[in-house]
């Protein structure tokens, strides 16, 4: 028996559906749907293996495949740009709560079931917690400078030198001599760059960037998506 197509049915492309979920505050539905589909496929595969041959070899093979899939998912986190959907508006709002929103509870984390789910979580969580991740970078950079006194001294000396150049430029009225002022600024930039390079400030910056980037990627990938809006008395707030 062949059923005719329903003329009232609506077919929505996946990209448009995801965009609608994001704008409506239901983006967590995609995260839950991906986890449910993966769990269902895994359980069915396990049932099929048990029905065919419940052997230790099959269990070991399944464990090996699961481990390999997890490794591929983790490695896929470093193969795409997590800032592709980030905009300047994401830094203009209020910083999400560190306890309830950013860290959450133990149930707020789960291993991403697939690279696509990890990518979805990273893109959305980076947008939501952009200000938190920026604060973590500043914290890591401050800790790195604390562990590298030479870099801290070089950074302070460079900032002091730049302020001295600015003070002298205003005191001597170099704004009336644009060419001289431009040469003065270039000399100050070169001297400041030499001080920063000799004091290994670039190494401190690189360490802070690497640590904060790894922490951001892992947190964004393992953090479950939560509703962007909370329902209160039947209305969205």
C-alpha atoms as a PDB file:
ATOM      1  CA  UNK A   1       0.000   0.000   0.000  1.00  0.00           C
ATOM      2  CA  UNK A   2       1.433   3.356  -1.051  1.00  0.00           C
ATOM      3  CA  UNK A   3       0.630   6.511   0.881  1.00  0.00           C
ATOM      4  CA  UNK A   4       0.447   9.812  -0.923  1.00  0.00           C
ATOM      5  CA  UNK A   5       2.504  12.722   0.376  1.00  0.00           C
ATOM      6  CA  UNK A   6       0.809  15.152   2.686  1.00  0.00           C
ATOM      7  CA  UNK A   7       0.577  18.583   0.995  1.00  0.00           C
ATOM      8  CA  UNK A   8       0.502  20.240   4.433  1.00  0.00           C
ATOM      9  CA  UNK A   9       3.774  18.660   5.521  1.00  0.00           C
ATOM     10  CA  UNK A  10       6.759  20.958   5.924  1.00  0.00           C
ATOM     11  CA  UNK A  11      10.330  19.993   5.185  1.00  0.00           C
ATOM     12  CA  UNK A  12      12.877  22.268   6.859  1.00  0.00           C
ATOM     13  CA  UNK A  13      16.587  22.065   6.005  1.00  0.00           C
ATOM     14  CA  UNK A  14      18.854  21.059   8.877  1.00  0.00           C
ATOM     15  CA  UNK A  15      20.723  24.373   8.805  1.00  0.00           C
ATOM     16  CA  UNK A  16      17.502  26.389   8.947  1.00  0.00           C
ATOM     17  CA  UNK A  17      16.151  24.200  11.754  1.00  0.00           C
ATOM     18  CA  UNK A  18      19.338  24.649  13.763  1.00  0.00           C
ATOM     19  CA  UNK A  19      19.187  28.412  13.187  1.00  0.00           C
ATOM     20  CA  UNK A  20      15.585  28.496  14.406  1.00  0.00           C
ATOM     21  CA  UNK A  21      16.462  26.489  17.508  1.00  0.00           C
ATOM     22  CA  UNK A  22      19.347  28.833  18.256  1.00  0.00           C
ATOM     23  CA  UNK A  23      17.235  31.979  17.875  1.00  0.00           C
ATOM     24  CA  UNK A  24      14.366  30.493  19.914  1.00  0.00           C
ATOM     25  CA  UNK A  25      16.580  29.353  22.770  1.00  0.00           C
ATOM     26  CA  UNK A  26      16.165  25.616  22.112  1.00  0.00           C
ATOM     27  CA  UNK A  27      19.702  24.863  20.909  1.00  0.00           C
ATOM     28  CA  UNK A  28      20.075  22.250  23.669  1.00  0.00           C
ATOM     29  CA  UNK A  29      17.534  20.104  21.772  1.00  0.00           C
ATOM     30  CA  UNK A  30      20.159  19.334  19.121  1.00  0.00           C
ATOM     31  CA  UNK A  31      22.648  18.339  21.803  1.00  0.00           C
ATOM     32  CA  UNK A  32      20.161  16.001  23.481  1.00  0.00           C
ATOM     33  CA  UNK A  33      19.015  14.560  20.167  1.00  0.00           C
ATOM     34  CA  UNK A  34      22.591  13.748  19.153  1.00  0.00           C
ATOM     35  CA  UNK A  35      23.306  12.038  22.469  1.00  0.00           C
ATOM     36  CA  UNK A  36      20.065  10.042  22.307  1.00  0.00           C
ATOM     37  CA  UNK A  37      20.688   8.908  18.739  1.00  0.00           C
ATOM     38  CA  UNK A  38      24.229   7.800  19.549  1.00  0.00           C
ATOM     39  CA  UNK A  39      23.119   5.941  22.679  1.00  0.00           C
ATOM     40  CA  UNK A  40      20.350   4.188  20.728  1.00  0.00           C
ATOM     41  CA  UNK A  41      22.721   3.095  17.975  1.00  0.00           C
ATOM     42  CA  UNK A  42      25.249   1.836  20.529  1.00  0.00           C
ATOM     43  CA  UNK A  43      22.629  -0.169  22.428  1.00  0.00           C
ATOM     44  CA  UNK A  44      21.255  -1.703  19.251  1.00  0.00           C
ATOM     45  CA  UNK A  45      24.726  -2.631  18.113  1.00  0.00           C
ATOM     46  CA  UNK A  46      25.463  -4.199  21.480  1.00  0.00           C
ATOM     47  CA  UNK A  47      22.202  -6.152  21.328  1.00  0.00           C
ATOM     48  CA  UNK A  48      23.040  -7.366  17.868  1.00  0.00           C
ATOM     49  CA  UNK A  49      26.456  -8.525  18.972  1.00  0.00           C
ATOM     50  CA  UNK A  50      24.945 -10.373  21.930  1.00  0.00           C
ATOM     51  CA  UNK A  51      22.423 -12.135  19.744  1.00  0.00           C
ATOM     52  CA  UNK A  52      24.990 -13.189  17.195  1.00  0.00           C
ATOM     53  CA  UNK A  53      27.902 -14.180  19.428  1.00  0.00           C
ATOM     54  CA  UNK A  54      28.347 -13.165  23.056  1.00  0.00           C
ATOM     55  CA  UNK A  55      32.081 -13.639  23.166  1.00  0.00           C
ATOM     56  CA  UNK A  56      34.920 -11.823  24.857  1.00  0.00           C
ATOM     57  CA  UNK A  57      36.420 -11.018  21.478  1.00  0.00           C
ATOM     58  CA  UNK A  58      33.335  -9.061  20.456  1.00  0.00           C
ATOM     59  CA  UNK A  59      33.398  -7.118  23.728  1.00  0.00           C
ATOM     60  CA  UNK A  60      37.077  -6.304  23.310  1.00  0.00           C
ATOM     61  CA  UNK A  61      36.464  -5.175  19.740  1.00  0.00           C
ATOM     62  CA  UNK A  62      33.581  -2.972  20.840  1.00  0.00           C
ATOM     63  CA  UNK A  63      35.733  -1.435  23.578  1.00  0.00           C
ATOM     64  CA  UNK A  64      38.539  -0.808  21.103  1.00  0.00           C
ATOM     65  CA  UNK A  65      36.173   0.852  18.632  1.00  0.00           C
ATOM     66  CA  UNK A  66      34.662   2.988  21.398  1.00  0.00           C
ATOM     67  CA  UNK A  67      38.112   4.086  22.584  1.00  0.00           C
ATOM     68  CA  UNK A  68      39.206   4.903  19.052  1.00  0.00           C
ATOM     69  CA  UNK A  69      36.005   6.895  18.488  1.00  0.00           C
ATOM     70  CA  UNK A  70      36.662   8.866  21.687  1.00  0.00           C
ATOM     71  CA  UNK A  71      40.218   9.655  20.587  1.00  0.00           C
ATOM     72  CA  UNK A  72      38.981  10.816  17.190  1.00  0.00           C
ATOM     73  CA  UNK A  73      36.393  13.037  18.877  1.00  0.00           C
ATOM     74  CA  UNK A  74      39.032  14.619  21.122  1.00  0.00           C
ATOM     75  CA  UNK A  75      41.430  15.192  18.224  1.00  0.00           C
ATOM     76  CA  UNK A  76      38.643  16.720  16.143  1.00  0.00           C
ATOM     77  CA  UNK A  77      38.358  19.522  18.716  1.00  0.00           C
ATOM     78  CA  UNK A  78      41.622  20.965  17.421  1.00  0.00           C
ATOM     79  CA  UNK A  79      40.749  20.765  13.714  1.00  0.00           C
ATOM     80  CA  UNK A  80      38.214  23.601  13.437  1.00  0.00           C
ATOM     81  CA  UNK A  81      37.969  27.253  14.372  1.00  0.00           C
ATOM     82  CA  UNK A  82      36.014  27.638  17.652  1.00  0.00           C
ATOM     83  CA  UNK A  83      35.728  31.401  17.110  1.00  0.00           C
ATOM     84  CA  UNK A  84      34.002  31.238  13.713  1.00  0.00           C
ATOM     85  CA  UNK A  85      30.587  32.142  15.182  1.00  0.00           C
ATOM     86  CA  UNK A  86      31.921  34.544  17.810  1.00  0.00           C
ATOM     87  CA  UNK A  87      31.063  38.238  17.470  1.00  0.00           C
ATOM     88  CA  UNK A  88      31.864  41.399  19.390  1.00  0.00           C
ATOM     89  CA  UNK A  89      28.320  41.424  20.809  1.00  0.00           C
ATOM     90  CA  UNK A  90      29.170  38.300  22.818  1.00  0.00           C
ATOM     91  CA  UNK A  91      31.571  40.390  24.934  1.00  0.00           C
ATOM     92  CA  UNK A  92      29.141  43.252  25.535  1.00  0.00           C
ATOM     93  CA  UNK A  93      26.667  41.438  27.769  1.00  0.00           C
ATOM     94  CA  UNK A  94      26.937  40.427  31.395  1.00  0.00           C
ATOM     95  CA  UNK A  95      29.387  37.755  32.483  1.00  0.00           C
ATOM     96  CA  UNK A  96      27.539  34.456  33.138  1.00  0.00           C
ATOM     97  CA  UNK A  97      27.626  33.168  36.689  1.00  0.00           C
ATOM     98  CA  UNK A  98      30.783  31.189  37.407  1.00  0.00           C
ATOM     99  CA  UNK A  99      29.049  28.689  39.701  1.00  0.00           C
ATOM    100  CA  UNK A 100      25.641  27.870  38.245  1.00  0.00           C
ATOM    101  CA  UNK A 101      26.176  28.792  34.580  1.00  0.00           C
ATOM    102  CA  UNK A 102      29.864  28.291  33.765  1.00  0.00           C
ATOM    103  CA  UNK A 103      30.924  25.389  36.002  1.00  0.00           C
ATOM    104  CA  UNK A 104      27.510  23.957  36.826  1.00  0.00           C
ATOM    105  CA  UNK A 105      27.141  20.611  38.575  1.00  0.00           C
ATOM    106  CA  UNK A 106      28.645  17.198  37.898  1.00  0.00           C
ATOM    107  CA  UNK A 107      25.645  16.303  35.710  1.00  0.00           C
ATOM    108  CA  UNK A 108      26.346  19.311  33.506  1.00  0.00           C
ATOM    109  CA  UNK A 109      29.190  17.466  31.758  1.00  0.00           C
ATOM    110  CA  UNK A 110      29.285  14.512  29.426  1.00  0.00           C
ATOM    111  CA  UNK A 111      31.668  13.120  26.844  1.00  0.00           C
ATOM    112  CA  UNK A 112      30.675  14.289  23.334  1.00  0.00           C
ATOM    113  CA  UNK A 113      29.297  11.331  21.426  1.00  0.00           C
ATOM    114  CA  UNK A 114      30.553  12.485  18.024  1.00  0.00           C
ATOM    115  CA  UNK A 115      32.743  15.197  16.447  1.00  0.00           C
ATOM    116  CA  UNK A 116      29.614  16.996  15.225  1.00  0.00           C
ATOM    117  CA  UNK A 117      28.214  17.192  18.745  1.00  0.00           C
ATOM    118  CA  UNK A 118      31.568  18.414  20.067  1.00  0.00           C
ATOM    119  CA  UNK A 119      31.668  21.072  17.355  1.00  0.00           C
ATOM    120  CA  UNK A 120      28.112  22.173  18.193  1.00  0.00           C
ATOM    121  CA  UNK A 121      28.910  22.458  21.891  1.00  0.00           C
ATOM    122  CA  UNK A 122      32.143  24.359  21.334  1.00  0.00           C
ATOM    123  CA  UNK A 123      30.610  26.927  18.982  1.00  0.00           C
ATOM    124  CA  UNK A 124      27.648  27.569  21.280  1.00  0.00           C
ATOM    125  CA  UNK A 125      29.537  27.547  24.591  1.00  0.00           C
ATOM    126  CA  UNK A 126      32.261  29.843  23.256  1.00  0.00           C
ATOM    127  CA  UNK A 127      29.560  32.370  22.374  1.00  0.00           C
ATOM    128  CA  UNK A 128      27.832  32.014  25.755  1.00  0.00           C
ATOM    129  CA  UNK A 129      30.928  32.075  27.964  1.00  0.00           C
ATOM    130  CA  UNK A 130      33.181  34.385  25.943  1.00  0.00           C
ATOM    131  CA  UNK A 131      33.641  36.771  28.869  1.00  0.00           C
ATOM    132  CA  UNK A 132      34.449  33.883  31.225  1.00  0.00           C
ATOM    133  CA  UNK A 133      37.091  32.517  28.874  1.00  0.00           C
ATOM    134  CA  UNK A 134      38.609  35.999  28.467  1.00  0.00           C
ATOM    135  CA  UNK A 135      38.818  36.318  32.267  1.00  0.00           C
ATOM    136  CA  UNK A 136      40.519  32.919  32.470  1.00  0.00           C
ATOM    137  CA  UNK A 137      43.097  34.023  29.903  1.00  0.00           C
ATOM    138  CA  UNK A 138      43.898  37.127  31.972  1.00  0.00           C
ATOM    139  CA  UNK A 139      44.212  34.945  35.068  1.00  0.00           C
ATOM    140  CA  UNK A 140      46.515  32.452  33.325  1.00  0.00           C
ATOM    141  CA  UNK A 141      48.613  35.290  31.910  1.00  0.00           C
ATOM    142  CA  UNK A 142      48.968  36.854  35.362  1.00  0.00           C
ATOM    143  CA  UNK A 143      49.985  33.488  36.847  1.00  0.00           C
ATOM    144  CA  UNK A 144      52.524  32.984  34.054  1.00  0.00           C
ATOM    145  CA  UNK A 145      54.033  36.414  34.660  1.00  0.00           C
ATOM    146  CA  UNK A 146      54.217  35.579  38.370  1.00  0.00           C
ATOM    147  CA  UNK A 147      56.213  32.466  37.528  1.00  0.00           C
ATOM    148  CA  UNK A 148      58.457  34.470  35.140  1.00  0.00           C
ATOM    149  CA  UNK A 149      59.674  37.579  37.010  1.00  0.00           C
ATOM    150  CA  UNK A 150      61.861  38.656  34.113  1.00  0.00           C
ATOM    151  CA  UNK A 151      58.874  38.786  31.776  1.00  0.00           C
ATOM    152  CA  UNK A 152      56.858  40.700  34.387  1.00  0.00           C
ATOM    153  CA  UNK A 153      59.666  43.226  34.800  1.00  0.00           C
ATOM    154  CA  UNK A 154      60.013  43.583  31.032  1.00  0.00           C
ATOM    155  CA  UNK A 155      56.295  44.196  30.583  1.00  0.00           C
ATOM    156  CA  UNK A 156      56.234  46.808  33.352  1.00  0.00           C
ATOM    157  CA  UNK A 157      59.354  48.476  31.940  1.00  0.00           C
ATOM    158  CA  UNK A 158      57.837  48.590  28.465  1.00  0.00           C
ATOM    159  CA  UNK A 159      54.625  50.164  29.746  1.00  0.00           C
ATOM    160  CA  UNK A 160      56.594  52.687  31.816  1.00  0.00           C
ATOM    161  CA  UNK A 161      58.753  53.547  28.822  1.00  0.00           C
ATOM    162  CA  UNK A 162      55.685  54.095  26.660  1.00  0.00           C
ATOM    163  CA  UNK A 163      54.159  56.395  29.283  1.00  0.00           C
ATOM    164  CA  UNK A 164      57.436  58.324  29.451  1.00  0.00           C
ATOM    165  CA  UNK A 165      57.457  58.759  25.669  1.00  0.00           C
ATOM    166  CA  UNK A 166      53.857  59.954  25.780  1.00  0.00           C
ATOM    167  CA  UNK A 167      54.597  62.398  28.605  1.00  0.00           C
ATOM    168  CA  UNK A 168      57.618  63.827  26.792  1.00  0.00           C
ATOM    169  CA  UNK A 169      55.660  64.140  23.562  1.00  0.00           C
ATOM    170  CA  UNK A 170      52.958  66.189  25.299  1.00  0.00           C
ATOM    171  CA  UNK A 171      55.458  68.265  27.271  1.00  0.00           C
ATOM    172  CA  UNK A 172      57.585  69.181  24.267  1.00  0.00           C
ATOM    173  CA  UNK A 173      54.575  69.813  22.047  1.00  0.00           C
ATOM    174  CA  UNK A 174      55.576  67.337  19.385  1.00  0.00           C
ATOM    175  CA  UNK A 175      52.041  67.325  18.014  1.00  0.00           C
ATOM    176  CA  UNK A 176      53.028  70.510  16.173  1.00  0.00           C
ATOM    177  CA  UNK A 177      55.740  68.531  14.367  1.00  0.00           C
ATOM    178  CA  UNK A 178      54.026  65.442  12.934  1.00  0.00           C
ATOM    179  CA  UNK A 179      57.144  64.018  11.313  1.00  0.00           C
ATOM    180  CA  UNK A 180      59.219  64.339  14.472  1.00  0.00           C
ATOM    181  CA  UNK A 181      56.406  62.870  16.547  1.00  0.00           C
ATOM    182  CA  UNK A 182      56.084  59.931  14.169  1.00  0.00           C
ATOM    183  CA  UNK A 183      59.818  59.223  14.401  1.00  0.00           C
ATOM    184  CA  UNK A 184      59.597  59.523  18.181  1.00  0.00           C
ATOM    185  CA  UNK A 185      56.772  56.982  18.304  1.00  0.00           C
ATOM    186  CA  UNK A 186      58.611  54.544  16.024  1.00  0.00           C
ATOM    187  CA  UNK A 187      61.717  54.718  18.213  1.00  0.00           C
ATOM    188  CA  UNK A 188      59.585  54.058  21.295  1.00  0.00           C
ATOM    189  CA  UNK A 189      57.922  51.064  19.641  1.00  0.00           C
ATOM    190  CA  UNK A 190      61.277  49.562  18.636  1.00  0.00           C
ATOM    191  CA  UNK A 191      62.749  50.015  22.114  1.00  0.00           C
ATOM    192  CA  UNK A 192      59.622  48.540  23.705  1.00  0.00           C
ATOM    193  CA  UNK A 193      59.684  45.543  21.346  1.00  0.00           C
ATOM    194  CA  UNK A 194      63.358  44.895  22.154  1.00  0.00           C
ATOM    195  CA  UNK A 195      62.623  44.997  25.884  1.00  0.00           C
ATOM    196  CA  UNK A 196      59.687  42.587  25.491  1.00  0.00           C
ATOM    197  CA  UNK A 197      61.706  40.136  23.406  1.00  0.00           C
ATOM    198  CA  UNK A 198      64.727  40.194  25.722  1.00  0.00           C
ATOM    199  CA  UNK A 199      62.527  39.589  28.774  1.00  0.00           C
ATOM    200  CA  UNK A 200      60.674  36.649  27.136  1.00  0.00           C
ATOM    201  CA  UNK A 201      57.235  38.228  27.389  1.00  0.00           C
ATOM    202  CA  UNK A 202      56.270  36.445  24.175  1.00  0.00           C
ATOM    203  CA  UNK A 203      56.925  33.094  25.872  1.00  0.00           C
ATOM    204  CA  UNK A 204      54.680  34.035  28.786  1.00  0.00           C
ATOM    205  CA  UNK A 205      51.985  35.129  26.345  1.00  0.00           C
ATOM    206  CA  UNK A 206      52.318  31.896  24.374  1.00  0.00           C
ATOM    207  CA  UNK A 207      52.032  29.752  27.521  1.00  0.00           C
ATOM    208  CA  UNK A 208      48.957  31.657  28.687  1.00  0.00           C
ATOM    209  CA  UNK A 209      47.358  31.341  25.254  1.00  0.00           C
ATOM    210  CA  UNK A 210      48.066  27.607  25.019  1.00  0.00           C
ATOM    211  CA  UNK A 211      46.739  26.814  28.499  1.00  0.00           C
ATOM    212  CA  UNK A 212      43.652  29.003  28.195  1.00  0.00           C
ATOM    213  CA  UNK A 213      42.880  27.664  24.697  1.00  0.00           C
ATOM    214  CA  UNK A 214      43.114  24.035  25.849  1.00  0.00           C
ATOM    215  CA  UNK A 215      40.968  24.762  28.903  1.00  0.00           C
ATOM    216  CA  UNK A 216      38.397  26.567  26.759  1.00  0.00           C
ATOM    217  CA  UNK A 217      38.179  23.770  24.181  1.00  0.00           C
ATOM    218  CA  UNK A 218      37.828  20.996  26.762  1.00  0.00           C
ATOM    219  CA  UNK A 219      35.295  22.861  28.882  1.00  0.00           C
ATOM    220  CA  UNK A 220      33.200  23.898  25.862  1.00  0.00           C
ATOM    221  CA  UNK A 221      33.204  20.366  24.440  1.00  0.00           C
ATOM    222  CA  UNK A 222      32.288  18.554  27.667  1.00  0.00           C
ATOM    223  CA  UNK A 223      29.829  21.174  28.953  1.00  0.00           C
ATOM    224  CA  UNK A 224      26.261  20.218  28.038  1.00  0.00           C
ATOM    225  CA  UNK A 225      24.169  22.841  26.305  1.00  0.00           C
ATOM    226  CA  UNK A 226      21.573  24.424  28.547  1.00  0.00           C
ATOM    227  CA  UNK A 227      18.496  26.447  27.602  1.00  0.00           C
ATOM    228  CA  UNK A 228      19.458  29.964  26.625  1.00  0.00           C
ATOM    229  CA  UNK A 229      16.271  31.246  28.269  1.00  0.00           C
ATOM    230  CA  UNK A 230      14.547  30.212  31.452  1.00  0.00           C
ATOM    231  CA  UNK A 231      10.775  29.833  31.689  1.00  0.00           C
ATOM    232  CA  UNK A 232       9.135  31.765  34.512  1.00  0.00           C
ATOM    233  CA  UNK A 233       5.368  31.736  35.050  1.00  0.00           C
ATOM    234  CA  UNK A 234       4.672  30.595  31.537  1.00  0.00           C
ATOM    235  CA  UNK A 235       6.768  33.300  29.878  1.00  0.00           C
ATOM    236  CA  UNK A 236      10.295  33.525  28.627  1.00  0.00           C
ATOM    237  CA  UNK A 237      12.577  35.868  30.467  1.00  0.00           C
END
